[in-house]
Amino acid sequence: MLLLLIALAGCSQADMIQKFTSPAEQALAKSYIELLRQQRFEDIEKAIDPSISGPSLHETLVKMAAFFPIGEPSKITLVGAHRMNANGASTVNLTFEYGFSNKWILANVAVKEQAGKATIVGLNVVPAPAAIEEQNKFTLSGKTSTQYFVLALAVVFPMLTVLTLVVCVRTKLTGRKWPWVLFVLVGFGKFGVNWTTGAWDLAPLHIQLFSASAYAPPYGEWTIAISLPLGAIAFLLLRKNLRVAEIDS
């Protein structure tokens, strides 16, 4: 079930990210990147917002342009999109992946529109070791023991929750049943592991349904998380006593 969710999410990444920006906004951002690729620095500097302008701007633009190899990209993909509205201004932050024959480049452009005028409030270019989709691809090879352990429990815990929930519904209890149903459905605490990097984090004060989850932003890194199925474990341990108490009553 968890692996099916991961597969379905991977298929809809492009559709999800397109909802955060319009074709016109993408075209404007890519035009600024194209100016940078063509080393038309003066045209870029005219569009730079005063908030990020400075004496080292030209030198920074030259360094960023040097990351792009000679020739046209074979593929340009929108891999990141964020929008913020504040103080009458709309800022759209877009990240594009440029693929060349043997090189990948991530170019980020943030454009602010206010009073009908568009200015660049952020510009960054960095090389990437591989296509971002390939970097964050969900694969079972080359992972740490912690990652495998968390993945195994992320499969087992939801199964345990569902099976216990069925048993709970079919068991006659002396008291109200719905508190037990809710208790069984959720897991407590959260231990998450980044499937790409192996980094992990612990959130003791957290609850999640079915005691497991898998999440990744569009073209981002997968995080597999588990929670302790305390309700399911408690019900299975106490079920016999609860049922006996009903029979003896």
Protein backbone atom coordinates (compact mmCIF):
# COMPACT_ATOMS: atom_id res chain seq x y z
CA MET A 1 0.00 0.00 0.00
CA LEU A 2 2.82 2.38 0.92
CA LEU A 3 4.78 1.59 -2.27
CA LEU A 4 1.64 2.07 -4.37
CA LEU A 5 1.18 5.52 -2.84
CA ILE A 6 4.78 6.39 -3.72
CA ALA A 7 4.31 5.24 -7.31
CA LEU A 8 1.10 7.23 -7.78
CA ALA A 9 2.61 10.37 -6.28
CA GLY A 10 5.58 10.15 -8.64
CA CYS A 11 3.27 10.16 -11.66
CA SER A 12 1.56 13.42 -10.67
CA GLN A 13 4.57 15.58 -9.75
CA ALA A 14 4.50 17.71 -12.91
CA ASP A 15 0.74 18.29 -12.67
CA MET A 16 0.96 19.33 -9.02
CA ILE A 17 3.73 21.86 -9.50
CA GLN A 18 2.02 23.53 -12.47
CA LYS A 19 -0.83 24.62 -10.17
CA PHE A 20 1.44 27.09 -8.38
CA THR A 21 2.38 29.21 -11.40
CA SER A 22 1.07 30.36 -14.75
CA PRO A 23 2.67 29.81 -18.20
CA ALA A 24 3.30 33.57 -18.43
CA GLU A 25 5.20 33.59 -15.13
CA GLN A 26 7.27 30.63 -16.24
CA ALA A 27 8.07 32.28 -19.56
CA LEU A 28 9.21 35.47 -17.81
CA ALA A 29 11.47 33.59 -15.42
CA LYS A 30 12.99 31.53 -18.23
CA SER A 31 13.63 34.70 -20.24
CA TYR A 32 15.81 36.01 -17.41
CA ILE A 33 17.71 32.72 -17.29
CA GLU A 34 18.17 32.91 -21.05
CA LEU A 35 19.65 36.39 -20.68
CA LEU A 36 22.08 34.95 -18.16
CA ARG A 37 23.02 32.08 -20.50
CA GLN A 38 23.68 34.59 -23.27
CA GLN A 39 25.74 36.68 -20.83
CA ARG A 40 23.58 39.74 -21.40
CA PHE A 41 24.36 41.00 -17.92
CA GLU A 42 23.30 44.61 -18.45
CA ASP A 43 19.78 43.52 -19.41
CA ILE A 44 19.55 41.42 -16.23
CA GLU A 45 20.88 44.23 -14.07
CA LYS A 46 18.12 46.50 -15.35
CA ALA A 47 15.54 44.03 -14.08
CA ILE A 48 17.19 43.48 -10.69
CA ASP A 49 15.25 44.81 -7.70
CA PRO A 50 17.12 47.48 -5.70
CA SER A 51 16.84 45.28 -2.61
CA ILE A 52 19.42 42.81 -3.99
CA SER A 53 21.52 45.16 -6.09
CA GLY A 54 25.09 45.88 -5.04
CA PRO A 55 28.66 46.47 -6.20
CA SER A 56 29.35 42.73 -6.56
CA LEU A 57 26.24 42.01 -8.63
CA HIS A 58 27.99 41.96 -12.00
CA GLU A 59 30.73 39.64 -10.75
CA THR A 60 28.11 37.29 -9.28
CA LEU A 61 26.22 37.16 -12.56
CA VAL A 62 29.41 36.30 -14.44
CA LYS A 63 30.11 33.41 -12.07
CA MET A 64 26.58 32.05 -12.40
CA ALA A 65 26.65 32.27 -16.21
CA ALA A 66 29.86 30.22 -16.23
CA PHE A 67 27.97 27.21 -14.85
CA PHE A 68 26.03 26.84 -18.10
CA PRO A 69 27.81 24.76 -20.74
CA ILE A 70 27.95 25.87 -24.36
CA GLY A 71 25.01 24.76 -26.45
CA GLU A 72 21.27 24.49 -26.07
CA PRO A 73 19.69 22.46 -23.27
CA SER A 74 18.07 19.18 -24.26
CA LYS A 75 15.45 19.52 -21.54
CA ILE A 76 14.04 22.26 -19.32
CA THR A 77 11.80 21.17 -16.44
CA LEU A 78 10.02 23.20 -13.79
CA VAL A 79 10.95 21.45 -10.53
CA GLY A 80 10.02 24.04 -7.91
CA ALA A 81 7.35 26.72 -7.53
CA HIS A 82 6.35 28.92 -4.60
CA ARG A 83 4.11 31.96 -4.40
CA MET A 84 3.87 34.65 -1.74
CA ASN A 85 1.55 37.65 -1.54
CA ALA A 86 2.35 40.46 0.88
CA ASN A 87 2.01 44.25 1.03
CA GLY A 88 0.36 44.47 -2.36
CA ALA A 89 3.15 42.52 -4.07
CA SER A 90 3.13 39.02 -5.53
CA THR A 91 6.40 37.08 -5.54
CA VAL A 92 6.78 33.89 -7.56
CA ASN A 93 9.85 31.77 -6.90
CA LEU A 94 10.56 29.24 -9.66
CA THR A 95 13.30 26.63 -10.03
CA PHE A 96 14.10 25.07 -13.41
CA GLU A 97 16.25 22.09 -14.17
CA TYR A 98 18.34 22.47 -17.34
CA GLY A 99 19.57 19.25 -18.85
CA PHE A 100 22.52 19.18 -21.22
CA SER A 101 24.30 16.20 -22.80
CA ASN A 102 26.45 15.49 -19.74
CA LYS A 103 25.48 18.18 -17.26
CA TRP A 104 22.55 19.28 -15.11
CA ILE A 105 21.94 22.82 -13.87
CA LEU A 106 19.39 24.14 -11.35
CA ALA A 107 18.40 27.75 -11.99
CA ASN A 108 16.25 29.61 -9.49
CA VAL A 109 14.50 32.92 -10.22
CA ALA A 110 12.26 34.88 -7.87
CA VAL A 111 10.20 37.62 -9.54
CA LYS A 112 8.19 40.25 -7.65
CA GLU A 113 5.30 42.00 -9.34
CA GLN A 114 4.03 45.22 -7.78
CA ALA A 115 2.11 48.10 -9.32
CA GLY A 116 2.43 46.50 -12.75
CA LYS A 117 6.22 46.25 -12.60
CA ALA A 118 8.22 43.02 -12.43
CA THR A 119 11.66 42.89 -10.83
CA ILE A 120 14.06 40.08 -9.96
CA VAL A 121 14.37 39.63 -6.19
CA GLY A 122 16.31 36.38 -6.32
CA LEU A 123 18.60 34.63 -8.80
CA ASN A 124 20.75 31.57 -8.25
CA VAL A 125 22.41 28.92 -10.41
CA VAL A 126 24.02 25.72 -9.15
CA PRO A 127 25.28 22.57 -10.90
CA ALA A 128 23.66 19.24 -10.00
CA PRO A 129 25.28 15.78 -10.02
CA ALA A 130 22.27 14.26 -11.83
CA ALA A 131 18.68 14.96 -12.77
CA ILE A 132 16.75 15.86 -9.63
CA GLU A 133 14.13 13.22 -10.38
CA GLU A 134 16.88 10.61 -10.55
CA GLN A 135 18.52 11.89 -7.36
CA ASN A 136 15.29 11.60 -5.40
CA LYS A 137 14.00 8.48 -7.11
CA PHE A 138 12.56 5.92 -4.69
CA THR A 139 14.82 2.90 -4.91
CA LEU A 140 15.65 0.08 -2.51
CA SER A 141 19.33 -0.18 -3.40
CA GLY A 142 22.16 1.42 -1.48
CA LYS A 143 20.21 2.41 1.63
CA THR A 144 21.22 2.25 5.29
CA SER A 145 19.95 -0.27 7.83
CA THR A 146 17.94 2.52 9.48
CA GLN A 147 16.16 3.30 6.22
CA TYR A 148 15.31 -0.37 5.61
CA PHE A 149 14.10 -0.75 9.20
CA VAL A 150 11.82 2.29 8.99
CA LEU A 151 10.46 1.19 5.61
CA ALA A 152 9.66 -2.29 6.96
CA LEU A 153 7.80 -0.85 9.94
CA ALA A 154 6.02 1.63 7.64
CA VAL A 155 4.52 -1.41 5.92
CA VAL A 156 3.88 -3.48 9.05
CA PHE A 157 2.32 -0.77 11.24
CA PRO A 158 -0.56 0.12 8.87
CA MET A 159 -1.29 -3.58 8.40
CA LEU A 160 -1.33 -4.07 12.16
CA THR A 161 -3.61 -1.03 12.53
CA VAL A 162 -6.12 -2.25 9.94
CA LEU A 163 -6.24 -5.80 11.31
CA THR A 164 -6.63 -4.55 14.88
CA LEU A 165 -9.33 -2.14 13.77
CA VAL A 166 -11.30 -5.03 12.23
CA VAL A 167 -10.95 -7.04 15.43
CA CYS A 168 -11.98 -4.03 17.50
CA VAL A 169 -15.11 -3.43 15.44
CA ARG A 170 -16.11 -7.08 15.68
CA THR A 171 -15.46 -7.35 19.42
CA LYS A 172 -18.29 -6.60 21.83
CA LEU A 173 -17.09 -4.27 24.57
CA THR A 174 -18.72 -3.34 27.84
CA GLY A 175 -18.03 0.33 27.32
CA ARG A 176 -18.14 2.65 24.34
CA LYS A 177 -16.29 1.39 21.31
CA TRP A 178 -15.51 4.63 19.45
CA PRO A 179 -12.72 5.76 21.84
CA TRP A 180 -10.95 2.46 21.16
CA VAL A 181 -11.45 2.86 17.40
CA LEU A 182 -9.81 6.29 17.50
CA PHE A 183 -7.05 5.02 19.76
CA VAL A 184 -6.28 2.16 17.36
CA LEU A 185 -6.33 4.39 14.26
CA VAL A 186 -3.53 6.74 15.32
CA GLY A 187 0.13 6.29 16.12
CA PHE A 188 2.03 8.36 18.65
CA GLY A 189 5.36 10.12 18.18
CA LYS A 190 7.05 10.33 14.81
CA PHE A 191 10.36 9.02 13.53
CA GLY A 192 11.07 10.12 9.97
CA VAL A 193 13.93 9.29 7.63
CA ASN A 194 14.92 11.09 4.44
CA TRP A 195 15.00 8.38 1.78
CA THR A 196 17.57 10.23 -0.33
CA THR A 197 20.10 11.34 2.30
CA GLY A 198 19.38 8.97 5.19
CA ALA A 199 19.01 11.88 7.62
CA TRP A 200 16.41 11.28 10.33
CA ASP A 201 14.43 13.29 12.86
CA LEU A 202 12.29 12.52 15.90
CA ALA A 203 9.10 14.35 16.94
CA PRO A 204 7.79 12.92 20.24
CA LEU A 205 4.68 15.13 20.33
CA HIS A 206 3.05 13.98 17.12
CA ILE A 207 0.21 11.72 15.99
CA GLN A 208 -0.56 10.30 12.55
CA LEU A 209 -3.16 8.00 11.08
CA PHE A 210 -2.25 4.34 10.58
CA SER A 211 1.11 4.95 12.30
CA ALA A 212 2.99 5.53 9.04
CA SER A 213 3.31 7.99 6.17
CA ALA A 214 5.29 8.67 3.02
CA TYR A 215 5.60 12.21 1.68
CA ALA A 216 7.58 14.11 -0.93
CA PRO A 217 7.06 17.57 -2.42
CA PRO A 218 7.02 17.64 -6.23
CA TYR A 219 10.49 16.54 -7.43
CA GLY A 220 11.63 16.58 -3.81
CA GLU A 221 13.06 14.01 -1.42
CA TRP A 222 10.87 11.28 0.05
CA THR A 223 10.38 11.13 3.80
CA ILE A 224 9.20 7.84 5.30
CA ALA A 225 7.82 8.22 8.83
CA ILE A 226 6.53 5.82 11.46
CA SER A 227 4.67 6.25 14.75
CA LEU A 228 4.19 3.83 17.62
CA PRO A 229 0.83 2.01 17.18
CA LEU A 230 0.18 2.24 20.90
CA GLY A 231 -3.60 1.94 20.55
CA ALA A 232 -3.41 -1.20 18.43
CA ILE A 233 -0.93 -2.85 20.79
CA ALA A 234 -2.94 -1.90 23.88
CA PHE A 235 -6.19 -3.22 22.42
CA LEU A 236 -4.67 -6.56 21.44
CA LEU A 237 -3.22 -6.97 24.92
CA LEU A 238 -6.44 -5.98 26.70
CA ARG A 239 -8.99 -7.50 24.34
CA LYS A 240 -9.25 -10.80 26.20
CA ASN A 241 -9.91 -9.08 29.51
CA LEU A 242 -12.47 -6.74 27.96
CA ARG A 243 -14.31 -9.61 26.35
CA VAL A 244 -14.23 -11.74 29.48
CA ALA A 245 -15.54 -8.82 31.52
CA GLU A 246 -18.51 -8.63 29.14
CA ILE A 247 -19.19 -12.36 29.39
CA ASP A 248 -19.01 -12.33 33.19
CA SER A 249 -21.39 -9.37 33.49
